[in-house]
Every structure is written in structure tokens, then in C-alpha cells.
Amino acid sequence: EFSEPQPDLALLVPRDDFYKHSLPRPADVALVIEVADSSLAYDRAIKMPLYARAGVPEAWIVNLIDRWIEVYRDPSTAGYTTLLKILSGKSIAPQAFDDVVVVVNDLLSD
């Protein structure tokens, strides 16, 4: 598999060299975030399975159409085994940064 999807945002595991000497690999990624409206079907069907197969532990889709965050966790070779939908007005913390709380409404423009 040579696919290298480019997420809208990737949060990396901190490293002493700040990735100065090499690019991040899938094992360095703590969370990827896609912001989707017209790309929603592609992000779900293509990108999420690729991230799961690469072992990215958590991926989010900020779903601008339905106005929620889709949280994908527990990757396997078949895809993510856990899907959470965090609705408008609710909040979520990434597994790797559980002290950072994200409010869904803060990510959705009016």
C-alpha cells in the first residue's frame, strides 16, 4: 500500500527533534482530522480505512453537513471498530490528549 492521504490536520506524538530530521510516519500520528462537506463520502469510504490500516489510533471527521464530529477509534486491518458521533452542543477529548476538550460547536461555523 503506497497511499499517502493528506489529512486536513494531524496531531503528532511529540518528539525531541520536532521532526526536523525525518518526516512523520504513521506510528507518529496521534490523531488525524478531516473537515468534510463535499468530500464526506470520500473521507469515510477511502481515507478512514487507509488511516486504520496504517494504525492511526484515532481519526475524526468534522461533518459540516450533519453538524457533528465522527470519531473513529480502535483501528484494525478491516477499518476502525469504534465509531462515535459527537453531536452539536457536546464535547470530546482525543485519546492521546485527554486533557484537551473540544466542543463540537467551536469547530462548526454558523
PDB file of N, CA and C in Angstrom:
ATOM      1  N   GLU A   1       0.858  -1.179   0.000  1.00  0.00           N
ATOM      2  CA  GLU A   1       0.000   0.000   0.000  1.00  0.00           C
ATOM      3  C   GLU A   1       0.898   1.235   0.000  1.00  0.00           C
ATOM      4  N   PHE A   2       0.749   2.052  -1.023  1.00  0.00           N
ATOM      5  CA  PHE A   2       1.581   3.240  -1.148  1.00  0.00           C
ATOM      6  C   PHE A   2       0.775   4.525  -1.047  1.00  0.00           C
ATOM      7  N   SER A   3      -0.462   4.430  -0.598  1.00  0.00           N
ATOM      8  CA  SER A   3      -1.309   5.615  -0.479  1.00  0.00           C
ATOM      9  C   SER A   3      -0.821   6.492   0.660  1.00  0.00           C
ATOM     10  N   GLU A   4      -0.815   7.781   0.422  1.00  0.00           N
ATOM     11  CA  GLU A   4      -0.458   8.749   1.450  1.00  0.00           C
ATOM     12  C   GLU A   4      -1.525   9.826   1.492  1.00  0.00           C
ATOM     13  N   PRO A   5      -2.667   9.515   2.111  1.00  0.00           N
ATOM     14  CA  PRO A   5      -3.692  10.552   2.191  1.00  0.00           C
ATOM     15  C   PRO A   5      -3.179  11.728   3.009  1.00  0.00           C
ATOM     16  N   GLN A   6      -3.606  12.901   2.645  1.00  0.00           N
ATOM     17  CA  GLN A   6      -3.183  14.100   3.348  1.00  0.00           C
ATOM     18  C   GLN A   6      -4.358  14.636   4.155  1.00  0.00           C
ATOM     19  N   PRO A   7      -4.297  14.467   5.473  1.00  0.00           N
ATOM     20  CA  PRO A   7      -5.400  14.956   6.305  1.00  0.00           C
ATOM     21  C   PRO A   7      -5.407  16.481   6.368  1.00  0.00           C
ATOM     22  N   ASP A   8      -6.553  17.019   6.729  1.00  0.00           N
ATOM     23  CA  ASP A   8      -6.640  18.464   6.930  1.00  0.00           C
ATOM     24  C   ASP A   8      -5.800  18.892   8.125  1.00  0.00           C
ATOM     25  N   LEU A   9      -5.719  18.019   9.136  1.00  0.00           N
ATOM     26  CA  LEU A   9      -4.926  18.302  10.333  1.00  0.00           C
ATOM     27  C   LEU A   9      -4.422  16.983  10.895  1.00  0.00           C
ATOM     28  N   ALA A  10      -3.181  16.958  11.329  1.00  0.00           N
ATOM     29  CA  ALA A  10      -2.621  15.782  12.000  1.00  0.00           C
ATOM     30  C   ALA A  10      -1.946  16.238  13.284  1.00  0.00           C
ATOM     31  N   LEU A  11      -2.286  15.599  14.383  1.00  0.00           N
ATOM     32  CA  LEU A  11      -1.620  15.859  15.657  1.00  0.00           C
ATOM     33  C   LEU A  11      -0.615  14.739  15.867  1.00  0.00           C
ATOM     34  N   LEU A  12       0.632  15.112  16.031  1.00  0.00           N
ATOM     35  CA  LEU A  12       1.715  14.147  16.116  1.00  0.00           C
ATOM     36  C   LEU A  12       2.155  13.924  17.548  1.00  0.00           C
ATOM     37  N   VAL A  13       2.688  12.738  17.788  1.00  0.00           N
ATOM     38  CA  VAL A  13       3.294  12.430  19.072  1.00  0.00           C
ATOM     39  C   VAL A  13       4.534  13.310  19.204  1.00  0.00           C
ATOM     40  N   PRO A  14       4.687  14.023  20.319  1.00  0.00           N
ATOM     41  CA  PRO A  14       5.851  14.904  20.476  1.00  0.00           C
ATOM     42  C   PRO A  14       7.165  14.118  20.368  1.00  0.00           C
ATOM     43  N   ARG A  15       8.122  14.731  19.703  1.00  0.00           N
ATOM     44  CA  ARG A  15       9.452  14.148  19.539  1.00  0.00           C
ATOM     45  C   ARG A  15      10.491  15.211  19.856  1.00  0.00           C
ATOM     46  N   ASP A  16      11.607  14.790  20.429  1.00  0.00           N
ATOM     47  CA  ASP A  16      12.650  15.736  20.832  1.00  0.00           C
ATOM     48  C   ASP A  16      13.169  16.587  19.679  1.00  0.00           C
ATOM     49  N   ASP A  17      13.253  16.011  18.475  1.00  0.00           N
ATOM     50  CA  ASP A  17      13.793  16.765  17.342  1.00  0.00           C
ATOM     51  C   ASP A  17      12.720  17.531  16.566  1.00  0.00           C
ATOM     52  N   PHE A  18      11.489  17.490  17.041  1.00  0.00           N
ATOM     53  CA  PHE A  18      10.372  18.193  16.393  1.00  0.00           C
ATOM     54  C   PHE A  18      10.254  17.833  14.902  1.00  0.00           C
ATOM     55  N   TYR A  19      10.602  16.584  14.563  1.00  0.00           N
ATOM     56  CA  TYR A  19      10.511  16.071  13.192  1.00  0.00           C
ATOM     57  C   TYR A  19      11.432  16.822  12.226  1.00  0.00           C
ATOM     58  N   LYS A  20      12.503  17.371  12.748  1.00  0.00           N
ATOM     59  CA  LYS A  20      13.457  18.110  11.920  1.00  0.00           C
ATOM     60  C   LYS A  20      14.248  17.181  10.997  1.00  0.00           C
ATOM     61  N   HIS A  21      14.531  15.967  11.450  1.00  0.00           N
ATOM     62  CA  HIS A  21      15.415  15.068  10.707  1.00  0.00           C
ATOM     63  C   HIS A  21      14.681  14.031   9.864  1.00  0.00           C
ATOM     64  N   SER A  22      13.400  13.880  10.076  1.00  0.00           N
ATOM     65  CA  SER A  22      12.636  12.928   9.266  1.00  0.00           C
ATOM     66  C   SER A  22      11.154  13.278   9.329  1.00  0.00           C
ATOM     67  N   LEU A  23      10.466  12.916   8.278  1.00  0.00           N
ATOM     68  CA  LEU A  23       9.027  13.155   8.227  1.00  0.00           C
ATOM     69  C   LEU A  23       8.306  12.194   9.163  1.00  0.00           C
ATOM     70  N   PRO A  24       7.131  12.580   9.638  1.00  0.00           N
ATOM     71  CA  PRO A  24       6.366  11.672  10.496  1.00  0.00           C
ATOM     72  C   PRO A  24       5.943  10.418   9.732  1.00  0.00           C
ATOM     73  N   ARG A  25       5.906   9.309  10.443  1.00  0.00           N
ATOM     74  CA  ARG A  25       5.392   8.048   9.916  1.00  0.00           C
ATOM     75  C   ARG A  25       4.054   7.772  10.593  1.00  0.00           C
ATOM     76  N   PRO A  26       3.299   6.803  10.121  1.00  0.00           N
ATOM     77  CA  PRO A  26       2.002   6.525  10.748  1.00  0.00           C
ATOM     78  C   PRO A  26       2.083   6.322  12.260  1.00  0.00           C
ATOM     79  N   ALA A  27       3.158   5.713  12.736  1.00  0.00           N
ATOM     80  CA  ALA A  27       3.303   5.487  14.178  1.00  0.00           C
ATOM     81  C   ALA A  27       3.462   6.790  14.958  1.00  0.00           C
ATOM     82  N   ASP A  28       3.814   7.868  14.282  1.00  0.00           N
ATOM     83  CA  ASP A  28       3.995   9.168  14.929  1.00  0.00           C
ATOM     84  C   ASP A  28       2.693   9.958  15.041  1.00  0.00           C
ATOM     85  N   VAL A  29       1.652   9.486  14.396  1.00  0.00           N
ATOM     86  CA  VAL A  29       0.390  10.228  14.333  1.00  0.00           C
ATOM     87  C   VAL A  29      -0.514   9.810  15.486  1.00  0.00           C
ATOM     88  N   ALA A  30      -0.939  10.779  16.281  1.00  0.00           N
ATOM     89  CA  ALA A  30      -1.859  10.513  17.382  1.00  0.00           C
ATOM     90  C   ALA A  30      -3.315  10.673  16.951  1.00  0.00           C
ATOM     91  N   LEU A  31      -3.562  11.618  16.044  1.00  0.00           N
ATOM     92  CA  LEU A  31      -4.932  11.919  15.621  1.00  0.00           C
ATOM     93  C   LEU A  31      -4.879  12.608  14.270  1.00  0.00           C
ATOM     94  N   VAL A  32      -5.756  12.198  13.366  1.00  0.00           N
ATOM     95  CA  VAL A  32      -5.950  12.949  12.127  1.00  0.00           C
ATOM     96  C   VAL A  32      -7.368  13.493  12.120  1.00  0.00           C
ATOM     97  N   ILE A  33      -7.516  14.665  11.520  1.00  0.00           N
ATOM     98  CA  ILE A  33      -8.825  15.316  11.437  1.00  0.00           C
ATOM     99  C   ILE A  33      -9.075  15.711   9.992  1.00  0.00           C
ATOM    100  N   GLU A  34     -10.227  15.321   9.496  1.00  0.00           N
ATOM    101  CA  GLU A  34     -10.710  15.736   8.184  1.00  0.00           C
ATOM    102  C   GLU A  34     -11.910  16.648   8.401  1.00  0.00           C
ATOM    103  N   VAL A  35     -11.975  17.724   7.660  1.00  0.00           N
ATOM    104  CA  VAL A  35     -13.134  18.622   7.677  1.00  0.00           C
ATOM    105  C   VAL A  35     -13.858  18.382   6.362  1.00  0.00           C
ATOM    106  N   ALA A  36     -15.116  17.946   6.447  1.00  0.00           N
ATOM    107  CA  ALA A  36     -15.774  17.440   5.244  1.00  0.00           C
ATOM    108  C   ALA A  36     -17.144  18.043   5.008  1.00  0.00           C
ATOM    109  N   ASP A  37     -17.338  18.443   3.775  1.00  0.00           N
ATOM    110  CA  ASP A  37     -18.682  18.714   3.259  1.00  0.00           C
ATOM    111  C   ASP A  37     -18.801  17.938   1.954  1.00  0.00           C
ATOM    112  N   SER A  38     -18.270  18.460   0.865  1.00  0.00           N
ATOM    113  CA  SER A  38     -18.342  17.743  -0.411  1.00  0.00           C
ATOM    114  C   SER A  38     -17.462  16.493  -0.426  1.00  0.00           C
ATOM    115  N   SER A  39     -16.474  16.410   0.452  1.00  0.00           N
ATOM    116  CA  SER A  39     -15.573  15.252   0.488  1.00  0.00           C
ATOM    117  C   SER A  39     -16.013  14.178   1.481  1.00  0.00           C
ATOM    118  N   LEU A  40     -17.189  14.321   2.071  1.00  0.00           N
ATOM    119  CA  LEU A  40     -17.617  13.428   3.149  1.00  0.00           C
ATOM    120  C   LEU A  40     -17.601  11.956   2.738  1.00  0.00           C
ATOM    121  N   ALA A  41     -18.203  11.615   1.622  1.00  0.00           N
ATOM    122  CA  ALA A  41     -18.259  10.211   1.193  1.00  0.00           C
ATOM    123  C   ALA A  41     -16.852   9.660   0.949  1.00  0.00           C
ATOM    124  N   TYR A  42     -15.988  10.440   0.324  1.00  0.00           N
ATOM    125  CA  TYR A  42     -14.609  10.024   0.061  1.00  0.00           C
ATOM    126  C   TYR A  42     -13.840   9.832   1.368  1.00  0.00           C
ATOM    127  N   ASP A  43     -13.990  10.767   2.293  1.00  0.00           N
ATOM    128  CA  ASP A  43     -13.283  10.663   3.566  1.00  0.00           C
ATOM    129  C   ASP A  43     -13.699   9.404   4.319  1.00  0.00           C
ATOM    130  N   ARG A  44     -14.997   9.100   4.324  1.00  0.00           N
ATOM    131  CA  ARG A  44     -15.488   7.902   5.016  1.00  0.00           C
ATOM    132  C   ARG A  44     -15.035   6.614   4.325  1.00  0.00           C
ATOM    133  N   ALA A  45     -15.221   6.553   3.021  1.00  0.00           N
ATOM    134  CA  ALA A  45     -15.006   5.295   2.293  1.00  0.00           C
ATOM    135  C   ALA A  45     -13.545   5.014   1.960  1.00  0.00           C
ATOM    136  N   ILE A  46     -12.758   6.052   1.750  1.00  0.00           N
ATOM    137  CA  ILE A  46     -11.373   5.871   1.310  1.00  0.00           C
ATOM    138  C   ILE A  46     -10.368   6.210   2.413  1.00  0.00           C
ATOM    139  N   LYS A  47     -10.465   7.414   2.950  1.00  0.00           N
ATOM    140  CA  LYS A  47      -9.433   7.856   3.892  1.00  0.00           C
ATOM    141  C   LYS A  47      -9.489   7.132   5.238  1.00  0.00           C
ATOM    142  N   MET A  48     -10.670   6.954   5.819  1.00  0.00           N
ATOM    143  CA  MET A  48     -10.743   6.302   7.132  1.00  0.00           C
ATOM    144  C   MET A  48     -10.172   4.881   7.091  1.00  0.00           C
ATOM    145  N   PRO A  49     -10.517   4.052   6.105  1.00  0.00           N
ATOM    146  CA  PRO A  49      -9.891   2.717   6.055  1.00  0.00           C
ATOM    147  C   PRO A  49      -8.369   2.767   5.877  1.00  0.00           C
ATOM    148  N   LEU A  50      -7.872   3.725   5.095  1.00  0.00           N
ATOM    149  CA  LEU A  50      -6.420   3.862   4.934  1.00  0.00           C
ATOM    150  C   LEU A  50      -5.749   4.222   6.253  1.00  0.00           C
ATOM    151  N   TYR A  51      -6.327   5.162   6.981  1.00  0.00           N
ATOM    152  CA  TYR A  51      -5.763   5.542   8.279  1.00  0.00           C
ATOM    153  C   TYR A  51      -5.783   4.353   9.240  1.00  0.00           C
ATOM    154  N   ALA A  52      -6.892   3.601   9.243  1.00  0.00           N
ATOM    155  CA  ALA A  52      -6.996   2.443  10.137  1.00  0.00           C
ATOM    156  C   ALA A  52      -5.937   1.396   9.796  1.00  0.00           C
ATOM    157  N   ARG A  53      -5.789   1.073   8.524  1.00  0.00           N
ATOM    158  CA  ARG A  53      -4.788   0.083   8.113  1.00  0.00           C
ATOM    159  C   ARG A  53      -3.369   0.541   8.446  1.00  0.00           C
ATOM    160  N   ALA A  54      -3.136   1.844   8.439  1.00  0.00           N
ATOM    161  CA  ALA A  54      -1.818   2.385   8.793  1.00  0.00           C
ATOM    162  C   ALA A  54      -1.589   2.389  10.299  1.00  0.00           C
ATOM    163  N   GLY A  55      -2.646   2.124  11.078  1.00  0.00           N
ATOM    164  CA  GLY A  55      -2.514   2.078  12.526  1.00  0.00           C
ATOM    165  C   GLY A  55      -2.696   3.403  13.225  1.00  0.00           C
ATOM    166  N   VAL A  56      -3.258   4.393  12.536  1.00  0.00           N
ATOM    167  CA  VAL A  56      -3.542   5.678  13.188  1.00  0.00           C
ATOM    168  C   VAL A  56      -4.608   5.413  14.254  1.00  0.00           C
ATOM    169  N   PRO A  57      -4.314   5.696  15.527  1.00  0.00           N
ATOM    170  CA  PRO A  57      -5.207   5.271  16.604  1.00  0.00           C
ATOM    171  C   PRO A  57      -6.562   5.972  16.644  1.00  0.00           C
ATOM    172  N   GLU A  58      -6.623   7.174  16.102  1.00  0.00           N
ATOM    173  CA  GLU A  58      -7.883   7.922  16.177  1.00  0.00           C
ATOM    174  C   GLU A  58      -7.960   8.874  14.989  1.00  0.00           C
ATOM    175  N   ALA A  59      -9.140   8.952  14.403  1.00  0.00           N
ATOM    176  CA  ALA A  59      -9.376   9.862  13.281  1.00  0.00           C
ATOM    177  C   ALA A  59     -10.744  10.494  13.465  1.00  0.00           C
ATOM    178  N   TRP A  60     -10.821  11.771  13.140  1.00  0.00           N
ATOM    179  CA  TRP A  60     -12.092  12.491  13.241  1.00  0.00           C
ATOM    180  C   TRP A  60     -12.484  13.020  11.875  1.00  0.00           C
ATOM    181  N   ILE A  61     -13.791  13.033  11.639  1.00  0.00           N
ATOM    182  CA  ILE A  61     -14.345  13.789  10.522  1.00  0.00           C
ATOM    183  C   ILE A  61     -15.238  14.862  11.122  1.00  0.00           C
ATOM    184  N   VAL A  62     -14.889  16.117  10.891  1.00  0.00           N
ATOM    185  CA  VAL A  62     -15.776  17.217  11.262  1.00  0.00           C
ATOM    186  C   VAL A  62     -16.791  17.301  10.126  1.00  0.00           C
ATOM    187  N   ASN A  63     -17.969  16.781  10.387  1.00  0.00           N
ATOM    188  CA  ASN A  63     -19.017  16.634   9.382  1.00  0.00           C
ATOM    189  C   ASN A  63     -19.819  17.935   9.324  1.00  0.00           C
ATOM    190  N   LEU A  64     -19.530  18.747   8.320  1.00  0.00           N
ATOM    191  CA  LEU A  64     -20.187  20.047   8.192  1.00  0.00           C
ATOM    192  C   LEU A  64     -21.626  19.926   7.700  1.00  0.00           C
ATOM    193  N   ILE A  65     -21.958  18.812   7.073  1.00  0.00           N
ATOM    194  CA  ILE A  65     -23.315  18.618   6.560  1.00  0.00           C
ATOM    195  C   ILE A  65     -24.279  18.311   7.699  1.00  0.00           C
ATOM    196  N   ASP A  66     -23.933  17.315   8.517  1.00  0.00           N
ATOM    197  CA  ASP A  66     -24.811  16.901   9.616  1.00  0.00           C
ATOM    198  C   ASP A  66     -24.504  17.618  10.925  1.00  0.00           C
ATOM    199  N   ARG A  67     -23.410  18.403  10.939  1.00  0.00           N
ATOM    200  CA  ARG A  67     -23.032  19.227  12.084  1.00  0.00           C
ATOM    201  C   ARG A  67     -22.723  18.392  13.332  1.00  0.00           C
ATOM    202  N   TRP A  68     -21.841  17.409  13.133  1.00  0.00           N
ATOM    203  CA  TRP A  68     -21.334  16.620  14.246  1.00  0.00           C
ATOM    204  C   TRP A  68     -19.910  16.194  13.931  1.00  0.00           C
ATOM    205  N   ILE A  69     -19.264  15.612  14.938  1.00  0.00           N
ATOM    206  CA  ILE A  69     -17.933  15.049  14.731  1.00  0.00           C
ATOM    207  C   ILE A  69     -18.061  13.537  14.757  1.00  0.00           C
ATOM    208  N   GLU A  70     -17.525  12.892  13.735  1.00  0.00           N
ATOM    209  CA  GLU A  70     -17.458  11.439  13.697  1.00  0.00           C
ATOM    210  C   GLU A  70     -16.084  11.049  14.223  1.00  0.00           C
ATOM    211  N   VAL A  71     -16.054  10.275  15.288  1.00  0.00           N
ATOM    212  CA  VAL A  71     -14.810   9.874  15.934  1.00  0.00           C
ATOM    213  C   VAL A  71     -14.584   8.386  15.664  1.00  0.00           C
ATOM    214  N   TYR A  72     -13.493   8.086  14.993  1.00  0.00           N
ATOM    215  CA  TYR A  72     -13.136   6.712  14.649  1.00  0.00           C
ATOM    216  C   TYR A  72     -11.979   6.283  15.538  1.00  0.00           C
ATOM    217  N   ARG A  73     -12.152   5.139  16.220  1.00  0.00           N
ATOM    218  CA  ARG A  73     -11.127   4.633  17.131  1.00  0.00           C
ATOM    219  C   ARG A  73     -10.957   3.126  16.949  1.00  0.00           C
ATOM    220  N   ASP A  74      -9.910   2.604  17.542  1.00  0.00           N
ATOM    221  CA  ASP A  74      -9.625   1.167  17.544  1.00  0.00           C
ATOM    222  C   ASP A  74      -9.407   0.636  16.127  1.00  0.00           C
ATOM    223  N   PRO A  75      -8.285   1.011  15.515  1.00  0.00           N
ATOM    224  CA  PRO A  75      -8.019   0.598  14.139  1.00  0.00           C
ATOM    225  C   PRO A  75      -7.715  -0.896  14.018  1.00  0.00           C
ATOM    226  N   SER A  76      -8.093  -1.437  12.880  1.00  0.00           N
ATOM    227  CA  SER A  76      -7.749  -2.809  12.510  1.00  0.00           C
ATOM    228  C   SER A  76      -7.487  -2.822  11.011  1.00  0.00           C
ATOM    229  N   THR A  77      -7.074  -3.949  10.489  1.00  0.00           N
ATOM    230  CA  THR A  77      -6.837  -4.032   9.051  1.00  0.00           C
ATOM    231  C   THR A  77      -8.131  -3.904   8.260  1.00  0.00           C
ATOM    232  N   ALA A  78      -9.262  -4.139   8.909  1.00  0.00           N
ATOM    233  CA  ALA A  78     -10.566  -4.028   8.242  1.00  0.00           C
ATOM    234  C   ALA A  78     -11.188  -2.643   8.393  1.00  0.00           C
ATOM    235  N   GLY A  79     -10.554  -1.756   9.147  1.00  0.00           N
ATOM    236  CA  GLY A  79     -11.103  -0.419   9.390  1.00  0.00           C
ATOM    237  C   GLY A  79     -11.181  -0.153  10.881  1.00  0.00           C
ATOM    238  N   TYR A  80     -11.802   0.936  11.234  1.00  0.00           N
ATOM    239  CA  TYR A  80     -11.973   1.266  12.650  1.00  0.00           C
ATOM    240  C   TYR A  80     -13.135   0.462  13.211  1.00  0.00           C
ATOM    241  N   THR A  81     -12.973  -0.034  14.431  1.00  0.00           N
ATOM    242  CA  THR A  81     -14.019  -0.853  15.036  1.00  0.00           C
ATOM    243  C   THR A  81     -14.956  -0.048  15.924  1.00  0.00           C
ATOM    244  N   THR A  82     -14.594   1.186  16.238  1.00  0.00           N
ATOM    245  CA  THR A  82     -15.444   2.044  17.060  1.00  0.00           C
ATOM    246  C   THR A  82     -15.729   3.333  16.310  1.00  0.00           C
ATOM    247  N   LEU A  83     -17.004   3.693  16.239  1.00  0.00           N
ATOM    248  CA  LEU A  83     -17.432   4.963  15.645  1.00  0.00           C
ATOM    249  C   LEU A  83     -18.351   5.663  16.631  1.00  0.00           C
ATOM    250  N   LEU A  84     -17.987   6.875  17.000  1.00  0.00           N
ATOM    251  CA  LEU A  84     -18.809   7.713  17.871  1.00  0.00           C
ATOM    252  C   LEU A  84     -19.257   8.926  17.082  1.00  0.00           C
ATOM    253  N   LYS A  85     -20.478   9.361  17.301  1.00  0.00           N
ATOM    254  CA  LYS A  85     -20.959  10.611  16.712  1.00  0.00           C
ATOM    255  C   LYS A  85     -21.179  11.587  17.851  1.00  0.00           C
ATOM    256  N   ILE A  86     -20.398  12.650  17.847  1.00  0.00           N
ATOM    257  CA  ILE A  86     -20.474  13.656  18.899  1.00  0.00           C
ATOM    258  C   ILE A  86     -21.301  14.807  18.339  1.00  0.00           C
ATOM    259  N   LEU A  87     -22.474  14.988  18.904  1.00  0.00           N
ATOM    260  CA  LEU A  87     -23.449  15.932  18.368  1.00  0.00           C
ATOM    261  C   LEU A  87     -23.165  17.366  18.789  1.00  0.00           C
ATOM    262  N   SER A  88     -23.769  18.278  18.061  1.00  0.00           N
ATOM    263  CA  SER A  88     -23.687  19.702  18.366  1.00  0.00           C
ATOM    264  C   SER A  88     -24.064  19.929  19.828  1.00  0.00           C
ATOM    265  N   GLY A  89     -23.287  20.754  20.506  1.00  0.00           N
ATOM    266  CA  GLY A  89     -23.531  21.037  21.913  1.00  0.00           C
ATOM    267  C   GLY A  89     -22.759  20.129  22.860  1.00  0.00           C
ATOM    268  N   LYS A  90     -22.173  19.068  22.337  1.00  0.00           N
ATOM    269  CA  LYS A  90     -21.404  18.121  23.148  1.00  0.00           C
ATOM    270  C   LYS A  90     -19.913  18.396  22.986  1.00  0.00           C
ATOM    271  N   SER A  91     -19.101  17.660  23.743  1.00  0.00           N
ATOM    272  CA  SER A  91     -17.650  17.825  23.657  1.00  0.00           C
ATOM    273  C   SER A  91     -16.973  16.458  23.637  1.00  0.00           C
ATOM    274  N   ILE A  92     -15.708  16.463  23.232  1.00  0.00           N
ATOM    275  CA  ILE A  92     -14.925  15.228  23.123  1.00  0.00           C
ATOM    276  C   ILE A  92     -13.463  15.566  23.398  1.00  0.00           C
ATOM    277  N   ALA A  93     -12.744  14.606  23.937  1.00  0.00           N
ATOM    278  CA  ALA A  93     -11.299  14.750  24.133  1.00  0.00           C
ATOM    279  C   ALA A  93     -10.598  13.665  23.328  1.00  0.00           C
ATOM    280  N   PRO A  94      -9.564  14.015  22.587  1.00  0.00           N
ATOM    281  CA  PRO A  94      -8.799  12.991  21.878  1.00  0.00           C
ATOM    282  C   PRO A  94      -8.165  12.023  22.877  1.00  0.00           C
ATOM    283  N   GLN A  95      -8.074  10.762  22.519  1.00  0.00           N
ATOM    284  CA  GLN A  95      -7.486   9.774  23.424  1.00  0.00           C
ATOM    285  C   GLN A  95      -6.051  10.125  23.797  1.00  0.00           C
ATOM    286  N   ALA A  96      -5.277  10.612  22.867  1.00  0.00           N
ATOM    287  CA  ALA A  96      -3.864  10.910  23.129  1.00  0.00           C
ATOM    288  C   ALA A  96      -3.659  12.198  23.923  1.00  0.00           C
ATOM    289  N   PHE A  97      -4.665  13.044  23.932  1.00  0.00           N
ATOM    290  CA  PHE A  97      -4.576  14.338  24.623  1.00  0.00           C
ATOM    291  C   PHE A  97      -5.854  14.528  25.433  1.00  0.00           C
ATOM    292  N   ASP A  98      -6.073  13.648  26.413  1.00  0.00           N
ATOM    293  CA  ASP A  98      -7.355  13.633  27.116  1.00  0.00           C
ATOM    294  C   ASP A  98      -7.604  14.863  27.981  1.00  0.00           C
ATOM    295  N   ASP A  99      -6.602  15.717  28.143  1.00  0.00           N
ATOM    296  CA  ASP A  99      -6.800  16.958  28.889  1.00  0.00           C
ATOM    297  C   ASP A  99      -7.259  18.101  27.982  1.00  0.00           C
ATOM    298  N   VAL A 100      -7.365  17.841  26.686  1.00  0.00           N
ATOM    299  CA  VAL A 100      -7.817  18.842  25.718  1.00  0.00           C
ATOM    300  C   VAL A 100      -9.254  18.513  25.336  1.00  0.00           C
ATOM    301  N   VAL A 101     -10.175  19.365  25.729  1.00  0.00           N
ATOM    302  CA  VAL A 101     -11.589  19.132  25.437  1.00  0.00           C
ATOM    303  C   VAL A 101     -11.997  20.007  24.260  1.00  0.00           C
ATOM    304  N   VAL A 102     -12.600  19.376  23.270  1.00  0.00           N
ATOM    305  CA  VAL A 102     -13.048  20.072  22.069  1.00  0.00           C
ATOM    306  C   VAL A 102     -14.566  20.102  22.075  1.00  0.00           C
ATOM    307  N   VAL A 103     -15.126  21.295  21.973  1.00  0.00           N
ATOM    308  CA  VAL A 103     -16.578  21.466  21.904  1.00  0.00           C
ATOM    309  C   VAL A 103     -16.974  21.478  20.432  1.00  0.00           C
ATOM    310  N   VAL A 104     -17.923  20.629  20.071  1.00  0.00           N
ATOM    311  CA  VAL A 104     -18.325  20.491  18.669  1.00  0.00           C
ATOM    312  C   VAL A 104     -18.672  21.842  18.065  1.00  0.00           C
ATOM    313  N   ASN A 105     -19.445  22.644  18.757  1.00  0.00           N
ATOM    314  CA  ASN A 105     -19.883  23.934  18.215  1.00  0.00           C
ATOM    315  C   ASN A 105     -18.713  24.863  17.900  1.00  0.00           C
ATOM    316  N   ASP A 106     -17.589  24.691  18.604  1.00  0.00           N
ATOM    317  CA  ASP A 106     -16.423  25.532  18.335  1.00  0.00           C
ATOM    318  C   ASP A 106     -15.800  25.232  16.976  1.00  0.00           C
ATOM    319  N   LEU A 107     -16.052  24.043  16.449  1.00  0.00           N
ATOM    320  CA  LEU A 107     -15.495  23.663  15.152  1.00  0.00           C
ATOM    321  C   LEU A 107     -16.445  23.915  13.992  1.00  0.00           C
ATOM    322  N   LEU A 108     -17.681  24.223  14.295  1.00  0.00           N
ATOM    323  CA  LEU A 108     -18.688  24.433  13.256  1.00  0.00           C
ATOM    324  C   LEU A 108     -19.010  25.910  13.148  1.00  0.00           C
ATOM    325  N   SER A 109     -18.897  26.438  11.952  1.00  0.00           N
ATOM    326  CA  SER A 109     -19.255  27.845  11.766  1.00  0.00           C
ATOM    327  C   SER A 109     -20.757  27.959  11.581  1.00  0.00           C
ATOM    328  N   ASP A 110     -21.285  29.092  11.934  1.00  0.00           N
ATOM    329  CA  ASP A 110     -22.731  29.317  11.772  1.00  0.00           C
ATOM    330  C   ASP A 110     -23.039  29.912  10.426  1.00  0.00           C
TER     331      ASP A 110
END
